[in-house]
Amino acid sequence: MSTIHRAVRAVQALIEAKQFGFYLWVGLVYLMIWLFGESIMYPETIGPRTANNIWRAIYIIVVNYIFFEKLLPQISRKNILKSFFILGVQFLLYSFGLFAWRFVGIQLHIYTSLKSHSALIDGVCYHFPYAIWSFFFFGIIKHVYDYINLKQTAQQLRIEKQEAELNYLKSQTNPHFLFNTLNNVYSLAKDKSDMAPESILRLSEIMRFMLYEAGGAYINIGQEVKIISDYIALEKLRYDDTLRVDFRYEIKDMKQPIPPLLLIPLVENAFKHGVSETINQPFVHIFLAVSHNQLNFIVKNSTENPLEEERVKENIGLSNLRRQLELLYTAYDLSVQQETNEFTASLSINLSSHV
């Protein structure tokens, strides 16, 4: 437990050091602005005034750090008495405290008294504006700084949330895809088909791709084309020559990056919800075109039950694809159309609209 406590204290110390570093930078800027003004107004005494302002700046930095980081968070409407006490203490630090700091500097021969004051209150009132201006200066910059940090944190949380959701969708889609593919191999093995060994080989290729190449954020479009081709070849092993499959593509740059396995759900749907349920003349027509960051993907498949449209919309592959598109791109369109004997899924993406 002591090790944990030490680690917590170390983290807290690091955070406080970073916070104080911020006030040092703000104090340095405030000092430069003040010195610039006095160099214009009092050029003949700029030397001692510089030393005086540095001495005051040390006090101002510490006092503002204490107020904004330690005292201000404790002010609340629920405890008005405590809040007034904190404000009163801060007022004393800005007024009498600053003048006392001047006195300490004079005694240490660091601060040069350029103006004499007949009474304590006169000296306090004379130096008080320096502290008040620092209060507004530090307060405004801190507010802007905190606002920027808050926006950055919110943006980072949004990105992390989207990444977590994308990973969750992939964790659903990938096993679902493998499960359906394994079913294909199982049906061939059960029937003792001569195609079973080839189907296992193609399945191993697909699994290798999913394990070693589909784990990143992007793959080349050429790799996506290959996995689609391998999946089509695996599916065709289950059918005789009556199945007609046409896969055409027009791609100018095979290295165009896209998220892995983004297109395969539409191809999988065509076989699972179309071809497998078509008795007469089953077919799948696939066309992929990628040019100038514009992707168009059309999958048509045979179907014999026009009432299947709603069920296809709700399957895990298609619903996950819709959500992934929402998270990945700002300009896309995914539409499905059910006709009497044909189902069409159309996907268009502006690849440059990736968020």
Protein backbone atom coordinates (compact mmCIF):
# COMPACT_ATOMS: atom_id res chain seq x y z
CA MET A 1 0.00 0.00 0.00
CA SER A 2 2.89 2.37 0.78
CA THR A 3 4.17 1.89 -2.77
CA ILE A 4 0.77 2.89 -4.13
CA HIS A 5 0.69 5.94 -1.87
CA ARG A 6 4.15 6.97 -3.06
CA ALA A 7 3.07 6.56 -6.66
CA VAL A 8 -0.05 8.66 -6.05
CA ARG A 9 1.99 11.37 -4.34
CA ALA A 10 4.48 11.34 -7.20
CA VAL A 11 1.69 11.82 -9.73
CA GLN A 12 0.17 14.63 -7.66
CA ALA A 13 3.56 16.31 -7.40
CA LEU A 14 4.00 16.05 -11.15
CA ILE A 15 0.58 17.62 -11.77
CA GLU A 16 1.29 20.45 -9.32
CA ALA A 17 4.69 21.07 -10.91
CA LYS A 18 3.03 21.33 -14.33
CA GLN A 19 0.40 23.72 -12.94
CA PHE A 20 3.01 25.92 -11.29
CA GLY A 21 5.05 25.90 -14.49
CA PHE A 22 2.03 27.40 -16.26
CA TYR A 23 1.92 30.26 -13.73
CA LEU A 24 5.64 30.84 -14.15
CA TRP A 25 5.17 31.34 -17.89
CA VAL A 26 2.16 33.62 -17.39
CA GLY A 27 4.08 35.57 -14.74
CA LEU A 28 7.02 35.97 -17.11
CA VAL A 29 4.74 37.40 -19.80
CA TYR A 30 3.12 39.73 -17.28
CA LEU A 31 6.55 40.88 -16.11
CA MET A 32 7.69 41.58 -19.69
CA ILE A 33 4.59 43.63 -20.40
CA TRP A 34 5.01 45.64 -17.19
CA LEU A 35 8.74 46.22 -17.83
CA PHE A 36 8.04 47.35 -21.37
CA GLY A 37 5.61 49.98 -20.11
CA GLU A 38 7.97 51.25 -17.43
CA SER A 39 10.92 51.36 -19.83
CA ILE A 40 8.95 53.85 -21.87
CA MET A 41 7.67 55.90 -18.92
CA TYR A 42 10.78 55.80 -16.71
CA PRO A 43 13.82 55.07 -18.90
CA GLU A 44 16.21 56.79 -16.47
CA THR A 45 15.47 54.32 -13.63
CA ILE A 46 14.84 51.17 -15.64
CA GLY A 47 17.62 49.26 -13.84
CA PRO A 48 16.23 49.38 -10.28
CA ARG A 49 12.67 49.17 -11.62
CA THR A 50 13.55 45.91 -13.35
CA ALA A 51 14.83 44.43 -10.10
CA ASN A 52 11.78 45.73 -8.24
CA ASN A 53 9.36 44.20 -10.77
CA ILE A 54 11.12 40.85 -10.72
CA TRP A 55 10.87 40.82 -6.91
CA ARG A 56 7.15 41.70 -7.08
CA ALA A 57 6.55 39.15 -9.86
CA ILE A 58 7.83 36.34 -7.62
CA TYR A 59 5.21 37.21 -5.03
CA ILE A 60 2.45 37.73 -7.62
CA ILE A 61 3.08 34.35 -9.27
CA VAL A 62 2.90 32.47 -5.97
CA VAL A 63 -0.17 34.33 -4.72
CA ASN A 64 -2.10 33.83 -7.96
CA TYR A 65 -1.14 30.17 -8.06
CA ILE A 66 -2.43 29.69 -4.52
CA PHE A 67 -5.67 31.52 -5.25
CA PHE A 68 -6.61 29.99 -8.61
CA GLU A 69 -5.44 26.45 -7.88
CA LYS A 70 -6.00 26.04 -4.12
CA LEU A 71 -8.50 28.60 -2.86
CA LEU A 72 -10.84 29.33 -5.76
CA PRO A 73 -12.03 25.67 -6.07
CA GLN A 74 -13.19 25.88 -2.45
CA ILE A 75 -15.50 28.86 -3.04
CA SER A 76 -19.14 27.81 -3.27
CA ARG A 77 -22.63 29.15 -2.57
CA LYS A 78 -23.21 26.37 -0.05
CA ASN A 79 -20.66 27.81 2.35
CA ILE A 80 -20.90 31.58 2.00
CA LEU A 81 -18.96 32.31 5.19
CA LYS A 82 -15.99 30.27 4.03
CA SER A 83 -16.14 31.85 0.60
CA PHE A 84 -16.07 35.38 2.04
CA PHE A 85 -13.18 34.39 4.28
CA ILE A 86 -11.17 33.11 1.30
CA LEU A 87 -11.86 36.28 -0.68
CA GLY A 88 -10.90 38.38 2.32
CA VAL A 89 -7.61 36.55 2.76
CA GLN A 90 -6.87 36.97 -0.96
CA PHE A 91 -7.61 40.70 -0.75
CA LEU A 92 -5.15 41.04 2.14
CA LEU A 93 -2.51 39.12 0.18
CA TYR A 94 -2.98 41.40 -2.84
CA SER A 95 -2.83 44.59 -0.75
CA PHE A 96 -1.02 44.45 2.58
CA GLY A 97 0.79 41.24 1.66
CA LEU A 98 2.31 42.78 -1.46
CA PHE A 99 3.43 45.86 0.47
CA ALA A 100 4.94 43.63 3.16
CA TRP A 101 6.80 41.73 0.43
CA ARG A 102 8.18 45.09 -0.76
CA PHE A 103 9.41 45.78 2.77
CA VAL A 104 11.15 42.38 2.91
CA GLY A 105 12.87 43.15 -0.40
CA ILE A 106 14.10 46.50 0.91
CA GLN A 107 15.53 44.84 4.02
CA LEU A 108 17.35 42.29 1.84
CA HIS A 109 18.67 45.09 -0.42
CA ILE A 110 16.91 43.55 -3.41
CA TYR A 111 14.16 46.10 -3.76
CA THR A 112 14.95 49.78 -4.30
CA SER A 113 12.51 52.25 -2.78
CA LEU A 114 11.86 54.81 -5.54
CA LYS A 115 8.93 56.42 -3.77
CA SER A 116 8.37 57.15 -0.11
CA HIS A 117 4.96 56.80 1.51
CA SER A 118 3.86 58.91 4.45
CA ALA A 119 1.45 56.25 5.73
CA LEU A 120 1.01 52.50 5.43
CA ILE A 121 -2.34 52.80 3.69
CA ASP A 122 -0.85 55.13 1.07
CA GLY A 123 1.82 52.57 0.23
CA VAL A 124 -0.71 49.76 0.09
CA CYS A 125 -3.01 51.73 -2.24
CA TYR A 126 -0.08 52.71 -4.46
CA HIS A 127 1.07 49.10 -5.06
CA PHE A 128 -2.38 47.49 -4.99
CA PRO A 129 -3.14 48.06 -8.74
CA TYR A 130 -0.13 45.91 -9.67
CA ALA A 131 -1.74 42.95 -7.90
CA ILE A 132 -5.24 43.68 -9.21
CA TRP A 133 -4.09 43.82 -12.82
CA SER A 134 -2.23 40.56 -12.28
CA PHE A 135 -5.46 39.01 -10.97
CA PHE A 136 -7.32 39.83 -14.19
CA PHE A 137 -4.34 38.93 -16.36
CA PHE A 138 -3.80 35.51 -14.75
CA GLY A 139 -7.54 34.87 -14.53
CA ILE A 140 -8.24 35.55 -18.22
CA ILE A 141 -5.29 33.49 -19.45
CA LYS A 142 -6.14 30.64 -17.09
CA HIS A 143 -9.74 30.66 -18.31
CA VAL A 144 -8.64 30.47 -21.95
CA TYR A 145 -6.05 27.82 -21.10
CA ASP A 146 -8.57 25.66 -19.23
CA TYR A 147 -11.12 26.07 -22.03
CA ILE A 148 -8.62 24.89 -24.65
CA ASN A 149 -7.58 21.95 -22.46
CA LEU A 150 -11.22 21.06 -21.87
CA LYS A 151 -11.94 21.05 -25.59
CA GLN A 152 -8.85 18.93 -26.27
CA THR A 153 -9.81 16.49 -23.53
CA ALA A 154 -13.37 16.25 -24.83
CA GLN A 155 -12.05 15.68 -28.34
CA GLN A 156 -9.67 12.99 -27.10
CA LEU A 157 -12.46 11.28 -25.16
CA ARG A 158 -14.67 11.38 -28.25
CA ILE A 159 -11.91 9.82 -30.34
CA GLU A 160 -11.25 7.15 -27.73
CA LYS A 161 -14.97 6.40 -27.49
CA GLN A 162 -15.23 6.05 -31.26
CA GLU A 163 -12.16 3.80 -31.36
CA ALA A 164 -13.62 1.65 -28.59
CA GLU A 165 -16.92 1.36 -30.43
CA LEU A 166 -15.17 0.54 -33.71
CA ASN A 167 -13.16 -2.17 -31.97
CA TYR A 168 -16.36 -3.51 -30.45
CA LEU A 169 -18.05 -3.58 -33.86
CA LYS A 170 -15.05 -5.39 -35.31
CA SER A 171 -15.10 -7.85 -32.42
CA GLN A 172 -18.69 -8.63 -33.42
CA THR A 173 -18.27 -8.63 -37.18
CA ASN A 174 -15.07 -10.68 -37.44
CA PRO A 175 -16.25 -13.71 -35.40
CA HIS A 176 -19.62 -13.50 -37.16
CA PHE A 177 -17.86 -13.58 -40.53
CA LEU A 178 -15.63 -16.49 -39.47
CA PHE A 179 -18.60 -18.37 -38.07
CA ASN A 180 -20.43 -18.21 -41.39
CA THR A 181 -17.27 -19.20 -43.25
CA LEU A 182 -16.74 -22.17 -40.94
CA ASN A 183 -20.31 -23.24 -41.65
CA ASN A 184 -19.42 -23.41 -45.33
CA VAL A 185 -16.43 -25.65 -44.60
CA TYR A 186 -18.52 -27.77 -42.24
CA SER A 187 -21.19 -28.39 -44.87
CA LEU A 188 -18.55 -29.55 -47.36
CA ALA A 189 -16.88 -31.81 -44.79
CA LYS A 190 -20.21 -33.25 -43.72
CA ASP A 191 -21.02 -34.15 -47.31
CA LYS A 192 -17.51 -35.62 -47.66
CA SER A 193 -16.94 -33.36 -50.62
CA ASP A 194 -13.67 -33.49 -52.50
CA MET A 195 -13.65 -29.71 -52.17
CA ALA A 196 -13.26 -29.85 -48.37
CA PRO A 197 -9.42 -29.71 -48.37
CA GLU A 198 -9.44 -26.71 -50.73
CA SER A 199 -12.07 -24.99 -48.61
CA ILE A 200 -9.91 -25.47 -45.50
CA LEU A 201 -6.93 -24.01 -47.37
CA ARG A 202 -8.92 -20.94 -48.42
CA LEU A 203 -10.29 -20.57 -44.91
CA SER A 204 -6.76 -20.57 -43.52
CA GLU A 205 -5.87 -17.78 -45.96
CA ILE A 206 -8.82 -15.74 -44.76
CA MET A 207 -7.95 -16.35 -41.10
CA ARG A 208 -4.31 -15.40 -41.71
CA PHE A 209 -5.46 -12.15 -43.27
CA MET A 210 -7.77 -11.36 -40.36
CA LEU A 211 -5.13 -12.15 -37.75
CA TYR A 212 -2.09 -10.48 -39.27
CA GLU A 213 -3.25 -7.86 -41.75
CA ALA A 214 -6.68 -6.66 -40.66
CA GLY A 215 -5.69 -5.49 -37.19
CA GLY A 216 -4.64 -1.98 -38.17
CA ALA A 217 -6.69 1.07 -39.06
CA TYR A 218 -6.07 0.72 -42.81
CA ILE A 219 -5.21 -1.77 -45.51
CA ASN A 220 -4.65 -1.29 -49.22
CA ILE A 221 -7.71 -1.59 -51.42
CA GLY A 222 -5.83 -4.35 -53.26
CA GLN A 223 -5.84 -6.43 -50.05
CA GLU A 224 -9.58 -5.90 -49.69
CA VAL A 225 -10.08 -7.07 -53.28
CA LYS A 226 -8.06 -10.21 -52.53
CA ILE A 227 -10.04 -11.11 -49.41
CA ILE A 228 -13.29 -10.62 -51.35
CA SER A 229 -11.97 -12.88 -54.12
CA ASP A 230 -10.91 -15.54 -51.60
CA TYR A 231 -14.29 -15.42 -49.91
CA ILE A 232 -16.11 -15.73 -53.24
CA ALA A 233 -13.94 -18.71 -54.19
CA LEU A 234 -14.72 -20.35 -50.85
CA GLU A 235 -18.44 -19.80 -51.27
CA LYS A 236 -18.45 -21.12 -54.84
CA LEU A 237 -17.15 -24.46 -53.61
CA ARG A 238 -20.59 -25.10 -52.06
CA TYR A 239 -22.51 -24.63 -55.30
CA ASP A 240 -22.63 -26.26 -58.69
CA ASP A 241 -22.29 -24.60 -62.06
CA THR A 242 -25.73 -23.02 -61.83
CA LEU A 243 -24.33 -20.26 -59.58
CA ARG A 244 -23.17 -17.26 -61.57
CA VAL A 245 -20.70 -14.94 -59.83
CA ASP A 246 -19.32 -11.85 -61.50
CA PHE A 247 -16.78 -9.75 -59.63
CA ARG A 248 -15.44 -6.77 -61.55
CA TYR A 249 -13.43 -3.82 -60.31
CA GLU A 250 -11.94 -0.63 -61.71
CA ILE A 251 -9.32 0.76 -59.35
CA LYS A 252 -6.76 3.37 -60.37
CA ASP A 253 -4.58 3.00 -57.28
CA MET A 254 -4.40 -0.41 -55.63
CA LYS A 255 -2.60 1.19 -52.67
CA GLN A 256 -5.57 3.38 -51.80
CA PRO A 257 -6.04 2.95 -48.01
CA ILE A 258 -9.41 1.87 -46.59
CA PRO A 259 -10.46 0.33 -43.26
CA PRO A 260 -10.03 -3.47 -43.32
CA LEU A 261 -13.00 -5.73 -44.07
CA LEU A 262 -15.24 -2.73 -44.75
CA LEU A 263 -16.78 -4.19 -47.92
CA ILE A 264 -16.98 -7.87 -47.07
CA PRO A 265 -20.31 -7.66 -45.12
CA LEU A 266 -22.18 -6.75 -48.32
CA VAL A 267 -20.64 -9.70 -50.15
CA GLU A 268 -21.41 -12.02 -47.24
CA ASN A 269 -25.03 -10.85 -47.20
CA ALA A 270 -25.36 -11.57 -50.90
CA PHE A 271 -24.50 -15.24 -50.34
CA LYS A 272 -26.09 -15.83 -46.95
CA HIS A 273 -29.39 -14.02 -47.50
CA GLY A 274 -29.61 -14.28 -51.25
CA VAL A 275 -27.87 -17.12 -53.07
CA SER A 276 -28.34 -19.67 -50.29
CA GLU A 277 -32.10 -19.09 -50.42
CA THR A 278 -32.43 -19.01 -54.21
CA ILE A 279 -33.46 -22.19 -55.96
CA ASN A 280 -33.56 -21.09 -59.58
CA GLN A 281 -30.60 -19.41 -61.29
CA PRO A 282 -28.76 -17.97 -58.27
CA PHE A 283 -26.35 -15.13 -59.04
CA VAL A 284 -24.12 -12.52 -57.43
CA HIS A 285 -22.88 -9.49 -59.36
CA ILE A 286 -20.25 -7.32 -57.66
CA PHE A 287 -18.76 -4.13 -59.02
CA LEU A 288 -16.13 -2.01 -57.26
CA ALA A 289 -14.78 1.30 -58.55
CA VAL A 290 -12.28 3.56 -56.80
CA SER A 291 -11.10 6.78 -58.39
CA HIS A 292 -10.08 10.19 -57.04
CA ASN A 293 -10.91 9.23 -53.43
CA GLN A 294 -14.41 8.16 -54.44
CA LEU A 295 -15.43 4.56 -53.79
CA ASN A 296 -18.51 2.95 -55.33
CA PHE A 297 -19.45 -0.60 -54.45
CA ILE A 298 -22.54 -2.35 -55.82
CA VAL A 299 -23.60 -5.88 -54.89
CA LYS A 300 -26.59 -7.51 -56.58
CA ASN A 301 -27.82 -10.96 -55.74
CA SER A 302 -30.75 -13.19 -56.56
CA THR A 303 -33.58 -13.59 -54.09
CA GLU A 304 -36.92 -15.37 -54.15
CA ASN A 305 -38.68 -13.74 -51.22
CA PRO A 306 -39.22 -9.97 -51.49
CA LEU A 307 -40.22 -9.92 -47.81
CA GLU A 308 -36.62 -10.66 -46.85
CA GLU A 309 -35.59 -7.00 -47.17
CA GLU A 310 -36.33 -6.05 -43.57
CA ARG A 311 -34.53 -9.08 -42.17
CA VAL A 312 -31.45 -8.33 -44.28
CA LYS A 313 -31.38 -4.80 -42.97
CA GLU A 314 -31.31 -6.01 -39.40
CA ASN A 315 -28.59 -8.66 -39.64
CA ILE A 316 -25.44 -8.01 -37.65
CA GLY A 317 -23.14 -7.55 -40.64
CA LEU A 318 -25.16 -4.82 -42.32
CA SER A 319 -26.12 -2.98 -39.13
CA ASN A 320 -22.49 -2.97 -37.95
CA LEU A 321 -21.38 -1.71 -41.35
CA ARG A 322 -23.80 1.21 -41.10
CA ARG A 323 -22.47 2.16 -37.69
CA GLN A 324 -18.85 1.85 -38.77
CA LEU A 325 -19.53 4.18 -41.68
CA GLU A 326 -21.05 6.72 -39.30
CA LEU A 327 -17.93 6.64 -37.15
CA LEU A 328 -15.42 6.63 -40.00
CA TYR A 329 -16.74 8.99 -42.67
CA THR A 330 -18.78 12.15 -42.99
CA ALA A 331 -19.68 11.72 -46.67
CA TYR A 332 -21.10 8.32 -47.57
CA ASP A 333 -24.30 6.63 -48.65
CA LEU A 334 -25.42 3.05 -48.05
CA SER A 335 -28.72 2.05 -49.61
CA VAL A 336 -30.51 -1.23 -50.24
CA GLN A 337 -33.23 -1.98 -52.74
CA GLN A 338 -35.44 -5.06 -52.82
CA GLU A 339 -37.10 -6.10 -56.06
CA THR A 340 -39.07 -9.22 -56.89
CA ASN A 341 -36.11 -11.47 -57.69
CA GLU A 342 -33.15 -9.23 -56.98
CA PHE A 343 -31.62 -7.49 -54.01
CA THR A 344 -29.16 -4.60 -54.49
CA ALA A 345 -26.85 -3.00 -51.95
CA SER A 346 -25.08 0.20 -53.03
CA LEU A 347 -22.29 1.88 -51.11
CA SER A 348 -20.55 5.11 -52.03
CA ILE A 349 -17.87 6.75 -49.89
CA ASN A 350 -15.85 9.90 -50.24
CA LEU A 351 -12.63 8.44 -48.83
CA SER A 352 -11.22 11.89 -48.16
CA SER A 353 -14.02 12.53 -45.65
CA HIS A 354 -12.45 10.20 -43.11
CA VAL A 355 -12.85 11.71 -39.63
